């Protein structure tokens, strides 16, 4: 990750940018679902100590919106939730098709990087 400072219309912002492989970026962020605002963060590969299907937070932040509920079926690339960090909306997408088995956070929760958010079977 790189920390950058950008200026938009005279206003200075500090942002953290994650450089992704072009192929991974296309899978994690289908063009049809890319919002016109906010920062898009892809799901990182599963760490060795996590169960398959565990979705962890790519960044520290606050859970602002959860789009899914337990038992719901989702498709790869579907928006799961929004994490707010540095006043930017960071979307977490489903890395594969499956059923939401568990949601470990709720709107308003503060999360750390790599904290377990939910599980998709």
PDB file of N, CA and C in Angstrom:
ATOM      1  N   UNK A   1       0.851  -1.174   0.000  1.00  0.00           N
ATOM      2  CA  UNK A   1       0.000   0.000   0.000  1.00  0.00           C
ATOM      3  C   UNK A   1       0.889   1.226   0.000  1.00  0.00           C
ATOM      4  N   UNK A   2       0.393   2.266  -0.631  1.00  0.00           N
ATOM      5  CA  UNK A   2       1.119   3.522  -0.669  1.00  0.00           C
ATOM      6  C   UNK A   2       0.236   4.628  -0.112  1.00  0.00           C
ATOM      7  N   UNK A   3       0.850   5.498   0.609  1.00  0.00           N
ATOM      8  CA  UNK A   3       0.146   6.653   1.159  1.00  0.00           C
ATOM      9  C   UNK A   3       0.445   7.828   0.240  1.00  0.00           C
ATOM     10  N   UNK A   4      -0.604   8.478  -0.271  1.00  0.00           N
ATOM     11  CA  UNK A   4      -0.450   9.577  -1.220  1.00  0.00           C
ATOM     12  C   UNK A   4      -1.233  10.798  -0.754  1.00  0.00           C
ATOM     13  N   UNK A   5      -0.827  11.937  -1.205  1.00  0.00           N
ATOM     14  CA  UNK A   5      -1.555  13.179  -0.950  1.00  0.00           C
ATOM     15  C   UNK A   5      -2.015  13.698  -2.302  1.00  0.00           C
ATOM     16  N   UNK A   6      -3.324  13.964  -2.437  1.00  0.00           N
ATOM     17  CA  UNK A   6      -3.853  14.505  -3.679  1.00  0.00           C
ATOM     18  C   UNK A   6      -4.581  15.805  -3.377  1.00  0.00           C
ATOM     19  N   UNK A   7      -4.672  16.659  -4.388  1.00  0.00           N
ATOM     20  CA  UNK A   7      -5.379  17.919  -4.257  1.00  0.00           C
ATOM     21  C   UNK A   7      -6.479  17.960  -5.303  1.00  0.00           C
ATOM     22  N   UNK A   8      -7.711  18.176  -4.852  1.00  0.00           N
ATOM     23  CA  UNK A   8      -8.858  18.261  -5.741  1.00  0.00           C
ATOM     24  C   UNK A   8      -9.528  19.602  -5.494  1.00  0.00           C
ATOM     25  N   UNK A   9      -9.573  20.418  -6.533  1.00  0.00           N
ATOM     26  CA  UNK A   9     -10.173  21.746  -6.439  1.00  0.00           C
ATOM     27  C   UNK A   9      -9.659  22.516  -5.229  1.00  0.00           C
ATOM     28  N   UNK A  10      -8.352  22.448  -5.020  1.00  0.00           N
ATOM     29  CA  UNK A  10      -7.725  23.200  -3.951  1.00  0.00           C
ATOM     30  C   UNK A  10      -7.801  22.554  -2.577  1.00  0.00           C
ATOM     31  N   UNK A  11      -8.493  21.454  -2.442  1.00  0.00           N
ATOM     32  CA  UNK A  11      -8.630  20.762  -1.170  1.00  0.00           C
ATOM     33  C   UNK A  11      -7.657  19.581  -1.136  1.00  0.00           C
ATOM     34  N   UNK A  12      -6.898  19.445  -0.060  1.00  0.00           N
ATOM     35  CA  UNK A  12      -5.879  18.407   0.051  1.00  0.00           C
ATOM     36  C   UNK A  12      -6.446  17.198   0.780  1.00  0.00           C
ATOM     37  N   UNK A  13      -6.198  16.002   0.205  1.00  0.00           N
ATOM     38  CA  UNK A  13      -6.633  14.746   0.796  1.00  0.00           C
ATOM     39  C   UNK A  13      -5.438  13.809   0.903  1.00  0.00           C
ATOM     40  N   UNK A  14      -5.372  13.055   1.986  1.00  0.00           N
ATOM     41  CA  UNK A  14      -4.389  11.993   2.108  1.00  0.00           C
ATOM     42  C   UNK A  14      -5.128  10.686   1.917  1.00  0.00           C
ATOM     43  N   UNK A  15      -4.617   9.821   1.026  1.00  0.00           N
ATOM     44  CA  UNK A  15      -5.270   8.553   0.727  1.00  0.00           C
ATOM     45  C   UNK A  15      -4.267   7.421   0.803  1.00  0.00           C
ATOM     46  N   UNK A  16      -4.786   6.239   1.075  1.00  0.00           N
ATOM     47  CA  UNK A  16      -3.973   5.031   1.030  1.00  0.00           C
ATOM     48  C   UNK A  16      -4.427   4.251  -0.184  1.00  0.00           C
ATOM     49  N   UNK A  17      -3.489   3.900  -1.066  1.00  0.00           N
ATOM     50  CA  UNK A  17      -3.806   3.229  -2.314  1.00  0.00           C
ATOM     51  C   UNK A  17      -3.177   1.852  -2.320  1.00  0.00           C
ATOM     52  N   UNK A  18      -3.974   0.847  -2.662  1.00  0.00           N
ATOM     53  CA  UNK A  18      -3.460  -0.508  -2.790  1.00  0.00           C
ATOM     54  C   UNK A  18      -3.322  -0.802  -4.273  1.00  0.00           C
ATOM     55  N   UNK A  19      -2.132  -1.161  -4.721  1.00  0.00           N
ATOM     56  CA  UNK A  19      -1.875  -1.465  -6.125  1.00  0.00           C
ATOM     57  C   UNK A  19      -2.198  -2.937  -6.337  1.00  0.00           C
ATOM     58  N   UNK A  20      -3.096  -3.204  -7.271  1.00  0.00           N
ATOM     59  CA  UNK A  20      -3.557  -4.563  -7.506  1.00  0.00           C
ATOM     60  C   UNK A  20      -3.112  -5.059  -8.870  1.00  0.00           C
ATOM     61  N   UNK A  21      -2.972  -6.358  -8.983  1.00  0.00           N
ATOM     62  CA  UNK A  21      -2.724  -6.995 -10.264  1.00  0.00           C
ATOM     63  C   UNK A  21      -3.942  -6.727 -11.139  1.00  0.00           C
ATOM     64  N   UNK A  22      -3.740  -6.409 -12.398  1.00  0.00           N
ATOM     65  CA  UNK A  22      -4.834  -6.047 -13.294  1.00  0.00           C
ATOM     66  C   UNK A  22      -5.900  -7.135 -13.388  1.00  0.00           C
ATOM     67  N   UNK A  23      -5.509  -8.416 -13.479  1.00  0.00           N
ATOM     68  CA  UNK A  23      -6.482  -9.507 -13.582  1.00  0.00           C
ATOM     69  C   UNK A  23      -7.318  -9.636 -12.322  1.00  0.00           C
ATOM     70  N   UNK A  24      -6.704  -9.555 -11.154  1.00  0.00           N
ATOM     71  CA  UNK A  24      -7.430  -9.654  -9.884  1.00  0.00           C
ATOM     72  C   UNK A  24      -8.415  -8.502  -9.772  1.00  0.00           C
ATOM     73  N   UNK A  25      -8.002  -7.315 -10.173  1.00  0.00           N
ATOM     74  CA  UNK A  25      -8.852  -6.137 -10.090  1.00  0.00           C
ATOM     75  C   UNK A  25     -10.116  -6.311 -10.916  1.00  0.00           C
ATOM     76  N   UNK A  26     -10.010  -6.909 -12.108  1.00  0.00           N
ATOM     77  CA  UNK A  26     -11.188  -7.105 -12.962  1.00  0.00           C
ATOM     78  C   UNK A  26     -12.180  -8.063 -12.325  1.00  0.00           C
ATOM     79  N   UNK A  27     -11.687  -9.132 -11.670  1.00  0.00           N
ATOM     80  CA  UNK A  27     -12.568 -10.096 -11.030  1.00  0.00           C
ATOM     81  C   UNK A  27     -13.225  -9.490  -9.801  1.00  0.00           C
ATOM     82  N   UNK A  28     -12.449  -8.782  -8.986  1.00  0.00           N
ATOM     83  CA  UNK A  28     -12.964  -8.237  -7.731  1.00  0.00           C
ATOM     84  C   UNK A  28     -13.885  -7.048  -7.934  1.00  0.00           C
ATOM     85  N   UNK A  29     -13.744  -6.372  -9.082  1.00  0.00           N
ATOM     86  CA  UNK A  29     -14.497  -5.136  -9.297  1.00  0.00           C
ATOM     87  C   UNK A  29     -15.138  -5.105 -10.680  1.00  0.00           C
ATOM     88  N   UNK A  30     -16.181  -5.878 -10.905  1.00  0.00           N
ATOM     89  CA  UNK A  30     -16.834  -5.826 -12.207  1.00  0.00           C
ATOM     90  C   UNK A  30     -17.259  -4.398 -12.529  1.00  0.00           C
ATOM     91  N   UNK A  31     -17.042  -3.994 -13.757  1.00  0.00           N
ATOM     92  CA  UNK A  31     -17.323  -2.611 -14.164  1.00  0.00           C
ATOM     93  C   UNK A  31     -18.772  -2.209 -13.898  1.00  0.00           C
ATOM     94  N   UNK A  32     -19.703  -3.150 -14.040  1.00  0.00           N
ATOM     95  CA  UNK A  32     -21.107  -2.802 -13.855  1.00  0.00           C
ATOM     96  C   UNK A  32     -21.436  -2.405 -12.420  1.00  0.00           C
ATOM     97  N   UNK A  33     -20.565  -2.755 -11.453  1.00  0.00           N
ATOM     98  CA  UNK A  33     -20.856  -2.443 -10.061  1.00  0.00           C
ATOM     99  C   UNK A  33     -19.939  -1.375  -9.481  1.00  0.00           C
ATOM    100  N   UNK A  34     -19.080  -0.798 -10.306  1.00  0.00           N
ATOM    101  CA  UNK A  34     -18.153   0.197  -9.789  1.00  0.00           C
ATOM    102  C   UNK A  34     -18.889   1.500  -9.537  1.00  0.00           C
ATOM    103  N   UNK A  35     -18.971   1.955  -8.297  1.00  0.00           N
ATOM    104  CA  UNK A  35     -19.647   3.214  -8.000  1.00  0.00           C
ATOM    105  C   UNK A  35     -18.830   4.392  -8.512  1.00  0.00           C
ATOM    106  N   UNK A  36     -19.496   5.534  -8.659  1.00  0.00           N
ATOM    107  CA  UNK A  36     -18.807   6.703  -9.186  1.00  0.00           C
ATOM    108  C   UNK A  36     -18.091   7.480  -8.097  1.00  0.00           C
ATOM    109  N   UNK A  37     -18.171   7.037  -6.848  1.00  0.00           N
ATOM    110  CA  UNK A  37     -17.496   7.720  -5.751  1.00  0.00           C
ATOM    111  C   UNK A  37     -16.901   6.699  -4.795  1.00  0.00           C
ATOM    112  N   UNK A  38     -16.040   7.145  -3.949  1.00  0.00           N
ATOM    113  CA  UNK A  38     -15.477   6.268  -2.929  1.00  0.00           C
ATOM    114  C   UNK A  38     -14.301   5.463  -3.435  1.00  0.00           C
ATOM    115  N   UNK A  39     -13.683   4.776  -2.536  1.00  0.00           N
ATOM    116  CA  UNK A  39     -12.515   3.966  -2.832  1.00  0.00           C
ATOM    117  C   UNK A  39     -12.944   2.516  -2.889  1.00  0.00           C
ATOM    118  N   UNK A  40     -12.464   1.773  -3.870  1.00  0.00           N
ATOM    119  CA  UNK A  40     -12.802   0.377  -4.022  1.00  0.00           C
ATOM    120  C   UNK A  40     -11.633  -0.447  -3.508  1.00  0.00           C
ATOM    121  N   UNK A  41     -11.917  -1.360  -2.585  1.00  0.00           N
ATOM    122  CA  UNK A  41     -10.881  -2.219  -2.023  1.00  0.00           C
ATOM    123  C   UNK A  41     -11.248  -3.656  -2.346  1.00  0.00           C
ATOM    124  N   UNK A  42     -10.318  -4.406  -2.897  1.00  0.00           N
ATOM    125  CA  UNK A  42     -10.606  -5.808  -3.195  1.00  0.00           C
ATOM    126  C   UNK A  42     -10.342  -6.660  -1.971  1.00  0.00           C
ATOM    127  N   UNK A  43     -10.900  -7.851  -1.976  1.00  0.00           N
ATOM    128  CA  UNK A  43     -10.666  -8.783  -0.884  1.00  0.00           C
ATOM    129  C   UNK A  43      -9.286  -9.388  -1.045  1.00  0.00           C
ATOM    130  N   UNK A  44      -8.515  -9.410   0.014  1.00  0.00           N
ATOM    131  CA  UNK A  44      -7.186 -10.002  -0.004  1.00  0.00           C
ATOM    132  C   UNK A  44      -7.309 -11.524  -0.027  1.00  0.00           C
ATOM    133  N   UNK A  45      -6.267 -12.231  -0.498  1.00  0.00           N
ATOM    134  CA  UNK A  45      -6.299 -13.699  -0.432  1.00  0.00           C
ATOM    135  C   UNK A  45      -6.447 -14.147   1.020  1.00  0.00           C
ATOM    136  N   UNK A  46      -6.995 -15.339   1.230  1.00  0.00           N
ATOM    137  CA  UNK A  46      -7.213 -15.836   2.569  1.00  0.00           C
ATOM    138  C   UNK A  46      -5.894 -16.157   3.243  1.00  0.00           C
ATOM    139  N   UNK A  47      -5.643 -15.640   4.449  1.00  0.00           N
ATOM    140  CA  UNK A  47      -4.447 -16.043   5.190  1.00  0.00           C
ATOM    141  C   UNK A  47      -4.542 -17.526   5.537  1.00  0.00           C
ATOM    142  N   UNK A  48      -3.403 -18.162   5.739  1.00  0.00           N
ATOM    143  CA  UNK A  48      -3.354 -19.613   5.978  1.00  0.00           C
ATOM    144  C   UNK A  48      -4.155 -20.027   7.204  1.00  0.00           C
ATOM    145  N   UNK A  49      -4.274 -19.152   8.228  1.00  0.00           N
ATOM    146  CA  UNK A  49      -4.963 -19.540   9.458  1.00  0.00           C
ATOM    147  C   UNK A  49      -6.472 -19.282   9.415  1.00  0.00           C
ATOM    148  N   UNK A  50      -7.000 -18.824   8.317  1.00  0.00           N
ATOM    149  CA  UNK A  50      -8.434 -18.562   8.190  1.00  0.00           C
ATOM    150  C   UNK A  50      -9.117 -19.720   7.491  1.00  0.00           C
ATOM    151  N   UNK A  51     -10.420 -19.904   7.774  1.00  0.00           N
ATOM    152  CA  UNK A  51     -11.212 -20.925   7.089  1.00  0.00           C
ATOM    153  C   UNK A  51     -11.549 -20.427   5.682  1.00  0.00           C
ATOM    154  N   UNK A  52     -11.693 -21.360   4.758  1.00  0.00           N
ATOM    155  CA  UNK A  52     -12.141 -20.992   3.414  1.00  0.00           C
ATOM    156  C   UNK A  52     -13.513 -20.348   3.541  1.00  0.00           C
ATOM    157  N   UNK A  53     -13.722 -19.241   2.890  1.00  0.00           N
ATOM    158  CA  UNK A  53     -15.003 -18.542   2.958  1.00  0.00           C
ATOM    159  C   UNK A  53     -15.005 -17.375   3.920  1.00  0.00           C
ATOM    160  N   UNK A  54     -13.986 -17.282   4.796  1.00  0.00           N
ATOM    161  CA  UNK A  54     -13.901 -16.145   5.713  1.00  0.00           C
ATOM    162  C   UNK A  54     -13.526 -14.886   4.934  1.00  0.00           C
ATOM    163  N   UNK A  55     -14.284 -13.829   5.157  1.00  0.00           N
ATOM    164  CA  UNK A  55     -14.002 -12.536   4.538  1.00  0.00           C
ATOM    165  C   UNK A  55     -13.525 -11.616   5.655  1.00  0.00           C
ATOM    166  N   UNK A  56     -12.321 -11.073   5.490  1.00  0.00           N
ATOM    167  CA  UNK A  56     -11.751 -10.201   6.505  1.00  0.00           C
ATOM    168  C   UNK A  56     -11.679  -8.773   5.994  1.00  0.00           C
ATOM    169  N   UNK A  57     -11.553  -7.843   6.912  1.00  0.00           N
ATOM    170  CA  UNK A  57     -11.481  -6.432   6.557  1.00  0.00           C
ATOM    171  C   UNK A  57     -10.144  -6.120   5.891  1.00  0.00           C
ATOM    172  N   UNK A  58     -10.172  -5.509   4.708  1.00  0.00           N
ATOM    173  CA  UNK A  58      -8.929  -5.154   4.030  1.00  0.00           C
ATOM    174  C   UNK A  58      -8.248  -3.937   4.665  1.00  0.00           C
ATOM    175  N   UNK A  59      -8.998  -3.187   5.482  1.00  0.00           N
ATOM    176  CA  UNK A  59      -8.488  -1.951   6.087  1.00  0.00           C
ATOM    177  C   UNK A  59      -9.136  -1.745   7.456  1.00  0.00           C
ATOM    178  N   UNK A  60      -8.523  -0.924   8.305  1.00  0.00           N
ATOM    179  CA  UNK A  60      -9.222  -0.519   9.526  1.00  0.00           C
ATOM    180  C   UNK A  60     -10.281   0.523   9.164  1.00  0.00           C
ATOM    181  N   UNK A  61     -11.411   0.505   9.825  1.00  0.00           N
ATOM    182  CA  UNK A  61     -12.454   1.478   9.525  1.00  0.00           C
ATOM    183  C   UNK A  61     -13.716   1.205  10.312  1.00  0.00           C
ATOM    184  N   UNK A  62     -14.800   1.801   9.853  1.00  0.00           N
ATOM    185  CA  UNK A  62     -16.093   1.663  10.510  1.00  0.00           C
ATOM    186  C   UNK A  62     -17.070   1.045   9.514  1.00  0.00           C
ATOM    187  N   UNK A  63     -17.824   0.040   9.954  1.00  0.00           N
ATOM    188  CA  UNK A  63     -18.833  -0.585   9.102  1.00  0.00           C
ATOM    189  C   UNK A  63     -19.988   0.402   8.976  1.00  0.00           C
ATOM    190  N   UNK A  64     -20.227   0.909   7.760  1.00  0.00           N
ATOM    191  CA  UNK A  64     -21.314   1.879   7.627  1.00  0.00           C
ATOM    192  C   UNK A  64     -22.583   1.244   7.076  1.00  0.00           C
ATOM    193  N   UNK A  65     -22.455   0.273   6.168  1.00  0.00           N
ATOM    194  CA  UNK A  65     -23.635  -0.367   5.589  1.00  0.00           C
ATOM    195  C   UNK A  65     -23.341  -1.835   5.334  1.00  0.00           C
ATOM    196  N   UNK A  66     -24.316  -2.690   5.636  1.00  0.00           N
ATOM    197  CA  UNK A  66     -24.222  -4.109   5.296  1.00  0.00           C
ATOM    198  C   UNK A  66     -25.373  -4.405   4.343  1.00  0.00           C
ATOM    199  N   UNK A  67     -25.051  -4.899   3.145  1.00  0.00           N
ATOM    200  CA  UNK A  67     -26.049  -5.135   2.112  1.00  0.00           C
ATOM    201  C   UNK A  67     -26.647  -6.544   2.153  1.00  0.00           C
ATOM    202  N   UNK A  68     -26.081  -7.445   2.949  1.00  0.00           N
ATOM    203  CA  UNK A  68     -26.506  -8.844   2.945  1.00  0.00           C
ATOM    204  C   UNK A  68     -26.969  -9.269   4.335  1.00  0.00           C
ATOM    205  N   UNK A  69     -27.600 -10.437   4.395  1.00  0.00           N
ATOM    206  CA  UNK A  69     -28.003 -10.991   5.680  1.00  0.00           C
ATOM    207  C   UNK A  69     -27.727 -12.488   5.686  1.00  0.00           C
ATOM    208  N   UNK A  70     -27.665 -13.050   6.874  1.00  0.00           N
ATOM    209  CA  UNK A  70     -27.383 -14.469   7.035  1.00  0.00           C
ATOM    210  C   UNK A  70     -28.396 -15.297   6.245  1.00  0.00           C
ATOM    211  N   UNK A  71     -27.881 -16.310   5.529  1.00  0.00           N
ATOM    212  CA  UNK A  71     -28.734 -17.183   4.736  1.00  0.00           C
ATOM    213  C   UNK A  71     -28.923 -16.742   3.297  1.00  0.00           C
ATOM    214  N   UNK A  72     -28.542 -15.512   2.988  1.00  0.00           N
ATOM    215  CA  UNK A  72     -28.703 -14.976   1.640  1.00  0.00           C
ATOM    216  C   UNK A  72     -27.648 -15.566   0.704  1.00  0.00           C
ATOM    217  N   UNK A  73     -28.036 -15.828  -0.540  1.00  0.00           N
ATOM    218  CA  UNK A  73     -27.090 -16.283  -1.564  1.00  0.00           C
ATOM    219  C   UNK A  73     -26.566 -15.065  -2.311  1.00  0.00           C
ATOM    220  N   UNK A  74     -25.253 -15.052  -2.566  1.00  0.00           N
ATOM    221  CA  UNK A  74     -24.620 -13.941  -3.272  1.00  0.00           C
ATOM    222  C   UNK A  74     -23.829 -14.466  -4.458  1.00  0.00           C
ATOM    223  N   UNK A  75     -23.612 -13.604  -5.429  1.00  0.00           N
ATOM    224  CA  UNK A  75     -22.813 -13.921  -6.608  1.00  0.00           C
ATOM    225  C   UNK A  75     -21.448 -13.250  -6.479  1.00  0.00           C
ATOM    226  N   UNK A  76     -20.454 -13.827  -7.129  1.00  0.00           N
ATOM    227  CA  UNK A  76     -19.116 -13.234  -7.147  1.00  0.00           C
ATOM    228  C   UNK A  76     -19.221 -11.785  -7.624  1.00  0.00           C
ATOM    229  N   UNK A  77     -18.548 -10.881  -6.927  1.00  0.00           N
ATOM    230  CA  UNK A  77     -18.548  -9.465  -7.291  1.00  0.00           C
ATOM    231  C   UNK A  77     -19.682  -8.655  -6.692  1.00  0.00           C
ATOM    232  N   UNK A  78     -20.624  -9.311  -6.015  1.00  0.00           N
ATOM    233  CA  UNK A  78     -21.744  -8.592  -5.399  1.00  0.00           C
ATOM    234  C   UNK A  78     -21.254  -7.810  -4.180  1.00  0.00           C
ATOM    235  N   UNK A  79     -21.783  -6.605  -3.987  1.00  0.00           N
ATOM    236  CA  UNK A  79     -21.402  -5.794  -2.840  1.00  0.00           C
ATOM    237  C   UNK A  79     -21.917  -6.431  -1.562  1.00  0.00           C
ATOM    238  N   UNK A  80     -21.034  -6.562  -0.568  1.00  0.00           N
ATOM    239  CA  UNK A  80     -21.398  -7.141   0.714  1.00  0.00           C
ATOM    240  C   UNK A  80     -21.604  -6.069   1.770  1.00  0.00           C
ATOM    241  N   UNK A  81     -20.666  -5.120   1.827  1.00  0.00           N
ATOM    242  CA  UNK A  81     -20.753  -4.067   2.838  1.00  0.00           C
ATOM    243  C   UNK A  81     -19.878  -2.885   2.454  1.00  0.00           C
ATOM    244  N   UNK A  82     -20.050  -1.817   3.214  1.00  0.00           N
ATOM    245  CA  UNK A  82     -19.241  -0.614   3.037  1.00  0.00           C
ATOM    246  C   UNK A  82     -18.497  -0.350   4.327  1.00  0.00           C
ATOM    247  N   UNK A  83     -17.190  -0.148   4.201  1.00  0.00           N
ATOM    248  CA  UNK A  83     -16.360   0.268   5.325  1.00  0.00           C
ATOM    249  C   UNK A  83     -15.985   1.721   5.089  1.00  0.00           C
ATOM    250  N   UNK A  84     -16.160   2.532   6.108  1.00  0.00           N
ATOM    251  CA  UNK A  84     -15.783   3.941   5.996  1.00  0.00           C
ATOM    252  C   UNK A  84     -14.425   4.131   6.657  1.00  0.00           C
ATOM    253  N   UNK A  85     -13.495   4.710   5.894  1.00  0.00           N
ATOM    254  CA  UNK A  85     -12.160   5.001   6.420  1.00  0.00           C
ATOM    255  C   UNK A  85     -11.694   6.297   5.786  1.00  0.00           C
ATOM    256  N   UNK A  86     -11.191   7.185   6.600  1.00  0.00           N
ATOM    257  CA  UNK A  86     -10.704   8.477   6.125  1.00  0.00           C
ATOM    258  C   UNK A  86     -11.774   9.205   5.294  1.00  0.00           C
ATOM    259  N   UNK A  87     -13.023   9.113   5.746  1.00  0.00           N
ATOM    260  CA  UNK A  87     -14.176   9.766   5.117  1.00  0.00           C
ATOM    261  C   UNK A  87     -14.407   9.298   3.678  1.00  0.00           C
ATOM    262  N   UNK A  88     -13.989   8.069   3.398  1.00  0.00           N
ATOM    263  CA  UNK A  88     -14.222   7.476   2.073  1.00  0.00           C
ATOM    264  C   UNK A  88     -14.964   6.164   2.245  1.00  0.00           C
ATOM    265  N   UNK A  89     -15.836   5.853   1.295  1.00  0.00           N
ATOM    266  CA  UNK A  89     -16.563   4.586   1.300  1.00  0.00           C
ATOM    267  C   UNK A  89     -15.731   3.532   0.591  1.00  0.00           C
ATOM    268  N   UNK A  90     -15.470   2.430   1.279  1.00  0.00           N
ATOM    269  CA  UNK A  90     -14.673   1.332   0.760  1.00  0.00           C
ATOM    270  C   UNK A  90     -15.567   0.110   0.653  1.00  0.00           C
ATOM    271  N   UNK A  91     -15.804  -0.358  -0.563  1.00  0.00           N
ATOM    272  CA  UNK A  91     -16.729  -1.459  -0.794  1.00  0.00           C
ATOM    273  C   UNK A  91     -16.009  -2.797  -0.672  1.00  0.00           C
ATOM    274  N   UNK A  92     -16.658  -3.742  -0.008  1.00  0.00           N
ATOM    275  CA  UNK A  92     -16.163  -5.112   0.106  1.00  0.00           C
ATOM    276  C   UNK A  92     -17.079  -5.967  -0.757  1.00  0.00           C
ATOM    277  N   UNK A  93     -16.477  -6.711  -1.707  1.00  0.00           N
ATOM    278  CA  UNK A  93     -17.236  -7.523  -2.657  1.00  0.00           C
ATOM    279  C   UNK A  93     -17.069  -9.003  -2.361  1.00  0.00           C
ATOM    280  N   UNK A  94     -18.045  -9.800  -2.791  1.00  0.00           N
ATOM    281  CA  UNK A  94     -17.979 -11.259  -2.648  1.00  0.00           C
ATOM    282  C   UNK A  94     -16.903 -11.799  -3.592  1.00  0.00           C
ATOM    283  N   UNK A  95     -15.939 -12.558  -3.056  1.00  0.00           N
ATOM    284  CA  UNK A  95     -14.887 -13.101  -3.911  1.00  0.00           C
ATOM    285  C   UNK A  95     -15.346 -14.319  -4.711  1.00  0.00           C
ATOM    286  N   UNK A  96     -16.504 -14.896  -4.351  1.00  0.00           N
ATOM    287  CA  UNK A  96     -17.037 -16.066  -5.059  1.00  0.00           C
ATOM    288  C   UNK A  96     -18.526 -16.186  -4.756  1.00  0.00           C
ATOM    289  N   UNK A  97     -19.223 -16.994  -5.556  1.00  0.00           N
ATOM    290  CA  UNK A  97     -20.640 -17.278  -5.303  1.00  0.00           C
ATOM    291  C   UNK A  97     -20.769 -18.076  -4.006  1.00  0.00           C
ATOM    292  N   UNK A  98     -21.875 -17.921  -3.318  1.00  0.00           N
ATOM    293  CA  UNK A  98     -22.092 -18.726  -2.119  1.00  0.00           C
ATOM    294  C   UNK A  98     -23.200 -18.180  -1.248  1.00  0.00           C
ATOM    295  N   UNK A  99     -23.341 -18.807  -0.099  1.00  0.00           N
ATOM    296  CA  UNK A  99     -24.372 -18.453   0.876  1.00  0.00           C
ATOM    297  C   UNK A  99     -23.694 -17.781   2.070  1.00  0.00           C
ATOM    298  N   UNK A 100     -24.306 -16.705   2.574  1.00  0.00           N
ATOM    299  CA  UNK A 100     -23.795 -16.030   3.762  1.00  0.00           C
ATOM    300  C   UNK A 100     -24.096 -16.924   4.967  1.00  0.00           C
ATOM    301  N   UNK A 101     -23.041 -17.514   5.543  1.00  0.00           N
ATOM    302  CA  UNK A 101     -23.213 -18.409   6.693  1.00  0.00           C
ATOM    303  C   UNK A 101     -23.249 -17.650   8.012  1.00  0.00           C
ATOM    304  N   UNK A 102     -22.463 -16.580   8.108  1.00  0.00           N
ATOM    305  CA  UNK A 102     -22.391 -15.816   9.357  1.00  0.00           C
ATOM    306  C   UNK A 102     -21.929 -14.399   9.059  1.00  0.00           C
ATOM    307  N   UNK A 103     -22.457 -13.452   9.837  1.00  0.00           N
ATOM    308  CA  UNK A 103     -22.006 -12.059   9.785  1.00  0.00           C
ATOM    309  C   UNK A 103     -21.541 -11.716  11.190  1.00  0.00           C
ATOM    310  N   UNK A 104     -20.285 -11.314  11.310  1.00  0.00           N
ATOM    311  CA  UNK A 104     -19.677 -11.108  12.625  1.00  0.00           C
ATOM    312  C   UNK A 104     -19.637  -9.646  13.066  1.00  0.00           C
ATOM    313  N   UNK A 105     -20.121  -8.736  12.229  1.00  0.00           N
ATOM    314  CA  UNK A 105     -20.119  -7.310  12.565  1.00  0.00           C
ATOM    315  C   UNK A 105     -21.505  -6.745  12.299  1.00  0.00           C
ATOM    316  N   UNK A 106     -21.733  -5.524  12.782  1.00  0.00           N
ATOM    317  CA  UNK A 106     -22.983  -4.826  12.502  1.00  0.00           C
ATOM    318  C   UNK A 106     -22.659  -3.380  12.134  1.00  0.00           C
ATOM    319  N   UNK A 107     -23.614  -2.697  11.554  1.00  0.00           N
ATOM    320  CA  UNK A 107     -23.409  -1.295  11.189  1.00  0.00           C
ATOM    321  C   UNK A 107     -23.007  -0.498  12.419  1.00  0.00           C
ATOM    322  N   UNK A 108     -22.005   0.341  12.251  1.00  0.00           N
ATOM    323  CA  UNK A 108     -21.506   1.162  13.356  1.00  0.00           C
ATOM    324  C   UNK A 108     -20.286   0.583  14.039  1.00  0.00           C
ATOM    325  N   UNK A 109     -20.004  -0.719  13.826  1.00  0.00           N
ATOM    326  CA  UNK A 109     -18.826  -1.342  14.449  1.00  0.00           C
ATOM    327  C   UNK A 109     -17.537  -0.781  13.846  1.00  0.00           C
ATOM    328  N   UNK A 110     -16.543  -0.644  14.683  1.00  0.00           N
ATOM    329  CA  UNK A 110     -15.202  -0.289  14.234  1.00  0.00           C
ATOM    330  C   UNK A 110     -14.427  -1.592  14.069  1.00  0.00           C
ATOM    331  N   UNK A 111     -13.725  -1.731  12.931  1.00  0.00           N
ATOM    332  CA  UNK A 111     -12.977  -2.953  12.657  1.00  0.00           C
ATOM    333  C   UNK A 111     -11.514  -2.640  12.379  1.00  0.00           C
ATOM    334  N   UNK A 112     -10.686  -3.627  12.654  1.00  0.00           N
ATOM    335  CA  UNK A 112      -9.256  -3.530  12.377  1.00  0.00           C
ATOM    336  C   UNK A 112      -8.960  -4.258  11.065  1.00  0.00           C
ATOM    337  N   UNK A 113      -7.808  -3.971  10.488  1.00  0.00           N
ATOM    338  CA  UNK A 113      -7.387  -4.695   9.291  1.00  0.00           C
ATOM    339  C   UNK A 113      -7.297  -6.185   9.611  1.00  0.00           C
ATOM    340  N   UNK A 114      -7.770  -7.024   8.702  1.00  0.00           N
ATOM    341  CA  UNK A 114      -7.795  -8.486   8.814  1.00  0.00           C
ATOM    342  C   UNK A 114      -8.781  -9.016   9.851  1.00  0.00           C
ATOM    343  N   UNK A 115      -9.647  -8.171  10.403  1.00  0.00           N
ATOM    344  CA  UNK A 115     -10.683  -8.658  11.325  1.00  0.00           C
ATOM    345  C   UNK A 115     -11.749  -9.392  10.516  1.00  0.00           C
ATOM    346  N   UNK A 116     -12.255 -10.498  11.061  1.00  0.00           N
ATOM    347  CA  UNK A 116     -13.262 -11.306  10.397  1.00  0.00           C
ATOM    348  C   UNK A 116     -14.574 -10.529  10.289  1.00  0.00           C
ATOM    349  N   UNK A 117     -15.110 -10.423   9.067  1.00  0.00           N
ATOM    350  CA  UNK A 117     -16.364  -9.705   8.817  1.00  0.00           C
ATOM    351  C   UNK A 117     -17.523 -10.667   8.637  1.00  0.00           C
ATOM    352  N   UNK A 118     -17.351 -11.662   7.765  1.00  0.00           N
ATOM    353  CA  UNK A 118     -18.408 -12.616   7.495  1.00  0.00           C
ATOM    354  C   UNK A 118     -17.833 -13.866   6.858  1.00  0.00           C
ATOM    355  N   UNK A 119     -18.709 -14.869   6.661  1.00  0.00           N
ATOM    356  CA  UNK A 119     -18.282 -16.123   6.039  1.00  0.00           C
ATOM    357  C   UNK A 119     -19.265 -16.472   4.935  1.00  0.00           C
ATOM    358  N   UNK A 120     -18.713 -16.839   3.775  1.00  0.00           N
ATOM    359  CA  UNK A 120     -19.513 -17.280   2.637  1.00  0.00           C
ATOM    360  C   UNK A 120     -19.131 -18.719   2.326  1.00  0.00           C
ATOM    361  N   UNK A 121     -20.117 -19.629   2.327  1.00  0.00           N
ATOM    362  CA  UNK A 121     -19.804 -21.033   2.018  1.00  0.00           C
ATOM    363  C   UNK A 121     -19.804 -21.261   0.525  1.00  0.00           C
TER     364      UNK A 121
END
